[in-house]
PDB file of all heavy atoms in Angstrom:
ATOM      1  N   LEU A   1       8.623  -1.220   9.507  1.00  0.00           N
ATOM      2  CA  LEU A   1       8.600   0.256   9.370  1.00  0.00           C
ATOM      3  C   LEU A   1       9.996   0.773   8.944  1.00  0.00           C
ATOM      4  O   LEU A   1      10.085   1.633   8.106  1.00  0.00           O
ATOM      5  CB  LEU A   1       8.191   0.878  10.687  1.00  0.00           C
ATOM      6  CG  LEU A   1       6.736   0.729  11.159  1.00  0.00           C
ATOM      7  CD1 LEU A   1       6.518   1.310  12.515  1.00  0.00           C
ATOM      8  CD2 LEU A   1       5.775   1.308  10.101  1.00  0.00           C
ATOM      9  N   GLU A   2      11.065   0.232   9.550  1.00  0.00           N
ATOM     10  CA  GLU A   2      12.396   0.668   9.210  1.00  0.00           C
ATOM     11  C   GLU A   2      12.723   0.319   7.769  1.00  0.00           C
ATOM     12  O   GLU A   2      13.272   1.163   7.057  1.00  0.00           O
ATOM     13  CB  GLU A   2      13.388   0.027  10.183  1.00  0.00           C
ATOM     14  CG  GLU A   2      13.303   0.559  11.595  1.00  0.00           C
ATOM     15  CD  GLU A   2      14.126  -0.203  12.559  1.00  0.00           C
ATOM     16  OE1 GLU A   2      14.697  -1.269  12.261  1.00  0.00           O
ATOM     17  OE2 GLU A   2      14.224   0.296  13.794  1.00  0.00           O
ATOM     18  N   ALA A   3      12.367  -0.874   7.314  1.00  0.00           N
ATOM     19  CA  ALA A   3      12.636  -1.270   5.936  1.00  0.00           C
ATOM     20  C   ALA A   3      11.830  -0.436   4.948  1.00  0.00           C
ATOM     21  O   ALA A   3      12.341   0.008   3.908  1.00  0.00           O
ATOM     22  CB  ALA A   3      12.282  -2.741   5.700  1.00  0.00           C
ATOM     23  N   MET A   4      10.553  -0.138   5.306  1.00  0.00           N
ATOM     24  CA  MET A   4       9.715   0.688   4.443  1.00  0.00           C
ATOM     25  C   MET A   4      10.241   2.129   4.358  1.00  0.00           C
ATOM     26  O   MET A   4      10.248   2.732   3.303  1.00  0.00           O
ATOM     27  CB  MET A   4       8.264   0.675   4.910  1.00  0.00           C
ATOM     28  CG  MET A   4       7.572  -0.677   4.679  1.00  0.00           C
ATOM     29  SD  MET A   4       5.825  -0.614   5.139  1.00  0.00           S
ATOM     30  CE  MET A   4       5.204   0.230   3.684  1.00  0.00           C
ATOM     31  N   ALA A   5      10.705   2.640   5.462  1.00  0.00           N
ATOM     32  CA  ALA A   5      11.245   4.035   5.465  1.00  0.00           C
ATOM     33  C   ALA A   5      12.492   4.067   4.681  1.00  0.00           C
ATOM     34  O   ALA A   5      12.756   5.004   3.881  1.00  0.00           O
ATOM     35  CB  ALA A   5      11.507   4.446   6.917  1.00  0.00           C
ATOM     36  N   GLU A   6      13.335   3.070   4.734  1.00  0.00           N
ATOM     37  CA  GLU A   6      14.583   3.010   3.971  1.00  0.00           C
ATOM     38  C   GLU A   6      14.255   2.869   2.469  1.00  0.00           C
ATOM     39  O   GLU A   6      14.873   3.520   1.626  1.00  0.00           O
ATOM     40  CB  GLU A   6      15.446   1.870   4.413  1.00  0.00           C
ATOM     41  CG  GLU A   6      16.812   1.848   3.760  1.00  0.00           C
ATOM     42  CD  GLU A   6      17.712   0.702   4.265  1.00  0.00           C
ATOM     43  OE1 GLU A   6      17.764   0.553   5.540  1.00  0.00           O
ATOM     44  OE2 GLU A   6      18.334   0.042   3.457  1.00  0.00           O
ATOM     45  N   GLY A   7      13.268   2.034   2.183  1.00  0.00           N
ATOM     46  CA  GLY A   7      12.896   1.870   0.721  1.00  0.00           C
ATOM     47  C   GLY A   7      12.071   2.953   0.134  1.00  0.00           C
ATOM     48  O   GLY A   7      11.883   2.970  -1.058  1.00  0.00           O
ATOM     49  N   ASN A   8      11.556   3.830   0.958  1.00  0.00           N
ATOM     50  CA  ASN A   8      10.692   4.925   0.546  1.00  0.00           C
ATOM     51  C   ASN A   8      11.155   6.229   1.180  1.00  0.00           C
ATOM     52  O   ASN A   8      10.482   6.812   2.027  1.00  0.00           O
ATOM     53  CB  ASN A   8       9.226   4.637   0.877  1.00  0.00           C
ATOM     54  CG  ASN A   8       8.659   3.353   0.272  1.00  0.00           C
ATOM     55  OD1 ASN A   8       8.284   3.386  -0.921  1.00  0.00           O
ATOM     56  ND2 ASN A   8       8.659   2.289   1.034  1.00  0.00           N
ATOM     57  N   PRO A   9      12.370   6.678   0.816  1.00  0.00           N
ATOM     58  CA  PRO A   9      12.948   7.787   1.568  1.00  0.00           C
ATOM     59  C   PRO A   9      12.212   9.137   1.453  1.00  0.00           C
ATOM     60  O   PRO A   9      12.415  10.042   2.266  1.00  0.00           O
ATOM     61  CB  PRO A   9      14.325   7.955   0.950  1.00  0.00           C
ATOM     62  CG  PRO A   9      14.275   7.234  -0.400  1.00  0.00           C
ATOM     63  CD  PRO A   9      13.215   6.218  -0.246  1.00  0.00           C
ATOM     64  N   THR A  10      11.304   9.261   0.437  1.00  0.00           N
ATOM     65  CA  THR A  10      10.556  10.510   0.338  1.00  0.00           C
ATOM     66  C   THR A  10       9.229  10.505   1.076  1.00  0.00           C
ATOM     67  O   THR A  10       8.499  11.456   1.066  1.00  0.00           O
ATOM     68  CB  THR A  10      10.266  10.845  -1.163  1.00  0.00           C
ATOM     69  OG1 THR A  10       9.510   9.815  -1.728  1.00  0.00           O
ATOM     70  CG2 THR A  10      11.583  10.987  -1.967  1.00  0.00           C
ATOM     71  N   VAL A  11       8.937   9.376   1.707  1.00  0.00           N
ATOM     72  CA  VAL A  11       7.666   9.188   2.440  1.00  0.00           C
ATOM     73  C   VAL A  11       7.902   9.425   3.923  1.00  0.00           C
ATOM     74  O   VAL A  11       8.911   8.983   4.469  1.00  0.00           O
ATOM     75  CB  VAL A  11       7.086   7.773   2.209  1.00  0.00           C
ATOM     76  CG1 VAL A  11       5.845   7.514   3.024  1.00  0.00           C
ATOM     77  CG2 VAL A  11       6.819   7.526   0.723  1.00  0.00           C
ATOM     78  N   THR A  12       7.001  10.177   4.524  1.00  0.00           N
ATOM     79  CA  THR A  12       7.043  10.375   5.977  1.00  0.00           C
ATOM     80  C   THR A  12       6.252   9.314   6.675  1.00  0.00           C
ATOM     81  O   THR A  12       5.061   9.011   6.265  1.00  0.00           O
ATOM     82  CB  THR A  12       6.490  11.785   6.329  1.00  0.00           C
ATOM     83  OG1 THR A  12       7.270  12.768   5.657  1.00  0.00           O
ATOM     84  CG2 THR A  12       6.480  12.036   7.829  1.00  0.00           C
ATOM     85  N   PHE A  13       6.722   8.708   7.716  1.00  0.00           N
ATOM     86  CA  PHE A  13       6.049   7.693   8.464  1.00  0.00           C
ATOM     87  C   PHE A  13       5.794   8.165   9.885  1.00  0.00           C
ATOM     88  O   PHE A  13       6.676   8.705  10.529  1.00  0.00           O
ATOM     89  CB  PHE A  13       6.914   6.390   8.595  1.00  0.00           C
ATOM     90  CG  PHE A  13       6.955   5.665   7.261  1.00  0.00           C
ATOM     91  CD1 PHE A  13       7.907   6.035   6.287  1.00  0.00           C
ATOM     92  CD2 PHE A  13       6.123   4.590   7.009  1.00  0.00           C
ATOM     93  CE1 PHE A  13       7.953   5.362   5.070  1.00  0.00           C
ATOM     94  CE2 PHE A  13       6.217   3.908   5.801  1.00  0.00           C
ATOM     95  CZ  PHE A  13       7.133   4.287   4.807  1.00  0.00           C
ATOM     96  N   VAL A  14       4.544   8.058  10.351  1.00  0.00           N
ATOM     97  CA  VAL A  14       4.194   8.376  11.729  1.00  0.00           C
ATOM     98  C   VAL A  14       3.460   7.142  12.330  1.00  0.00           C
ATOM     99  O   VAL A  14       2.595   6.575  11.636  1.00  0.00           O
ATOM    100  CB  VAL A  14       3.351   9.683  11.864  1.00  0.00           C
ATOM    101  CG1 VAL A  14       4.134  10.852  11.437  1.00  0.00           C
ATOM    102  CG2 VAL A  14       2.076   9.589  11.033  1.00  0.00           C
ATOM    103  N   ALA A  15       3.811   6.826  13.537  1.00  0.00           N
ATOM    104  CA  ALA A  15       3.196   5.659  14.195  1.00  0.00           C
ATOM    105  C   ALA A  15       2.979   5.984  15.668  1.00  0.00           C
ATOM    106  O   ALA A  15       3.764   6.640  16.302  1.00  0.00           O
ATOM    107  CB  ALA A  15       4.181   4.455  14.089  1.00  0.00           C
ATOM    108  N   GLY A  16       1.825   5.494  16.165  1.00  0.00           N
ATOM    109  CA  GLY A  16       1.524   5.600  17.547  1.00  0.00           C
ATOM    110  C   GLY A  16       2.471   4.770  18.396  1.00  0.00           C
ATOM    111  O   GLY A  16       2.822   5.129  19.500  1.00  0.00           O
ATOM    112  N   ARG A  17       2.828   3.569  17.822  1.00  0.00           N
ATOM    113  CA  ARG A  17       3.711   2.668  18.570  1.00  0.00           C
ATOM    114  C   ARG A  17       4.429   1.776  17.553  1.00  0.00           C
ATOM    115  O   ARG A  17       3.860   1.346  16.576  1.00  0.00           O
ATOM    116  CB  ARG A  17       2.878   1.792  19.471  1.00  0.00           C
ATOM    117  CG  ARG A  17       3.619   0.828  20.342  1.00  0.00           C
ATOM    118  CD  ARG A  17       2.751   0.079  21.356  1.00  0.00           C
ATOM    119  NE  ARG A  17       1.971  -0.962  20.749  1.00  0.00           N
ATOM    120  CZ  ARG A  17       2.412  -2.231  20.700  1.00  0.00           C
ATOM    121  NH1 ARG A  17       3.584  -2.588  21.139  1.00  0.00           N
ATOM    122  NH2 ARG A  17       1.644  -3.158  20.215  1.00  0.00           N
ATOM    123  N   ALA A  18       5.711   1.519  17.780  1.00  0.00           N
ATOM    124  CA  ALA A  18       6.437   0.537  17.039  1.00  0.00           C
ATOM    125  C   ALA A  18       6.602  -0.700  17.931  1.00  0.00           C
ATOM    126  O   ALA A  18       6.973  -0.601  19.078  1.00  0.00           O
ATOM    127  CB  ALA A  18       7.799   1.116  16.650  1.00  0.00           C
ATOM    128  N   SER A  19       6.282  -1.830  17.321  1.00  0.00           N
ATOM    129  CA  SER A  19       6.344  -3.103  18.082  1.00  0.00           C
ATOM    130  C   SER A  19       7.532  -3.924  17.601  1.00  0.00           C
ATOM    131  O   SER A  19       7.832  -3.979  16.426  1.00  0.00           O
ATOM    132  CB  SER A  19       5.065  -3.890  17.849  1.00  0.00           C
ATOM    133  OG  SER A  19       5.099  -5.171  18.457  1.00  0.00           O
ATOM    134  N   ASP A  20       8.145  -4.649  18.532  1.00  0.00           N
ATOM    135  CA  ASP A  20       9.216  -5.551  18.171  1.00  0.00           C
ATOM    136  C   ASP A  20       8.698  -6.965  17.967  1.00  0.00           C
ATOM    137  O   ASP A  20       9.509  -7.873  17.834  1.00  0.00           O
ATOM    138  CB  ASP A  20      10.304  -5.512  19.286  1.00  0.00           C
ATOM    139  CG  ASP A  20      10.985  -4.156  19.333  1.00  0.00           C
ATOM    140  OD1 ASP A  20      11.372  -3.635  18.269  1.00  0.00           O
ATOM    141  OD2 ASP A  20      11.152  -3.640  20.490  1.00  0.00           O
ATOM    142  N   ARG A  21       7.375  -7.108  17.967  1.00  0.00           N
ATOM    143  CA  ARG A  21       6.796  -8.415  17.781  1.00  0.00           C
ATOM    144  C   ARG A  21       5.888  -8.401  16.578  1.00  0.00           C
ATOM    145  O   ARG A  21       5.025  -7.601  16.438  1.00  0.00           O
ATOM    146  CB  ARG A  21       5.957  -8.728  19.049  1.00  0.00           C
ATOM    147  CG  ARG A  21       5.378 -10.122  19.052  1.00  0.00           C
ATOM    148  CD  ARG A  21       4.663 -10.392  20.375  1.00  0.00           C
ATOM    149  NE  ARG A  21       3.355  -9.788  20.365  1.00  0.00           N
ATOM    150  CZ  ARG A  21       2.287 -10.448  20.742  1.00  0.00           C
ATOM    151  NH1 ARG A  21       2.345 -11.674  21.159  1.00  0.00           N
ATOM    152  NH2 ARG A  21       1.095  -9.804  20.722  1.00  0.00           N
ATOM    153  N   SER A  22       6.151  -9.356  15.652  1.00  0.00           N
ATOM    154  CA  SER A  22       5.322  -9.508  14.483  1.00  0.00           C
ATOM    155  C   SER A  22       4.124 -10.389  14.860  1.00  0.00           C
ATOM    156  O   SER A  22       4.263 -11.432  15.504  1.00  0.00           O
ATOM    157  CB  SER A  22       6.101 -10.192  13.392  1.00  0.00           C
ATOM    158  OG  SER A  22       5.291 -10.453  12.311  1.00  0.00           O
ATOM    159  N   TYR A  23       2.929  -9.945  14.521  1.00  0.00           N
ATOM    160  CA  TYR A  23       1.711 -10.683  14.905  1.00  0.00           C
ATOM    161  C   TYR A  23       0.599 -10.440  13.915  1.00  0.00           C
ATOM    162  O   TYR A  23       0.330  -9.337  13.539  1.00  0.00           O
ATOM    163  CB  TYR A  23       1.274 -10.216  16.300  1.00  0.00           C
ATOM    164  CG  TYR A  23       0.088 -10.954  16.788  1.00  0.00           C
ATOM    165  CD1 TYR A  23       0.228 -12.264  17.334  1.00  0.00           C
ATOM    166  CD2 TYR A  23      -1.203 -10.421  16.732  1.00  0.00           C
ATOM    167  CE1 TYR A  23      -0.909 -12.988  17.737  1.00  0.00           C
ATOM    168  CE2 TYR A  23      -2.286 -11.094  17.194  1.00  0.00           C
ATOM    169  CZ  TYR A  23      -2.165 -12.390  17.684  1.00  0.00           C
ATOM    170  OH  TYR A  23      -3.232 -13.078  18.105  1.00  0.00           O
ATOM    171  N   CYS A  24      -0.034 -11.505  13.500  1.00  0.00           N
ATOM    172  CA  CYS A  24      -1.198 -11.469  12.661  1.00  0.00           C
ATOM    173  C   CYS A  24      -2.372 -12.038  13.391  1.00  0.00           C
ATOM    174  O   CYS A  24      -2.377 -13.229  13.721  1.00  0.00           O
ATOM    175  CB  CYS A  24      -1.028 -12.236  11.309  1.00  0.00           C
ATOM    176  SG  CYS A  24       0.167 -11.491  10.256  1.00  0.00           S
ATOM    177  N   GLY A  25      -3.372 -11.227  13.770  1.00  0.00           N
ATOM    178  CA  GLY A  25      -4.502 -11.651  14.532  1.00  0.00           C
ATOM    179  C   GLY A  25      -5.454 -12.481  13.696  1.00  0.00           C
ATOM    180  O   GLY A  25      -5.538 -12.322  12.455  1.00  0.00           O
TER     181      GLY A  25
END
């Protein structure tokens, strides 16, 4: 999310939760 926000500065990001764990179910 942080990298995407930095790379897309004109885009607004909203998230219910930010996770510090990467996981693919």
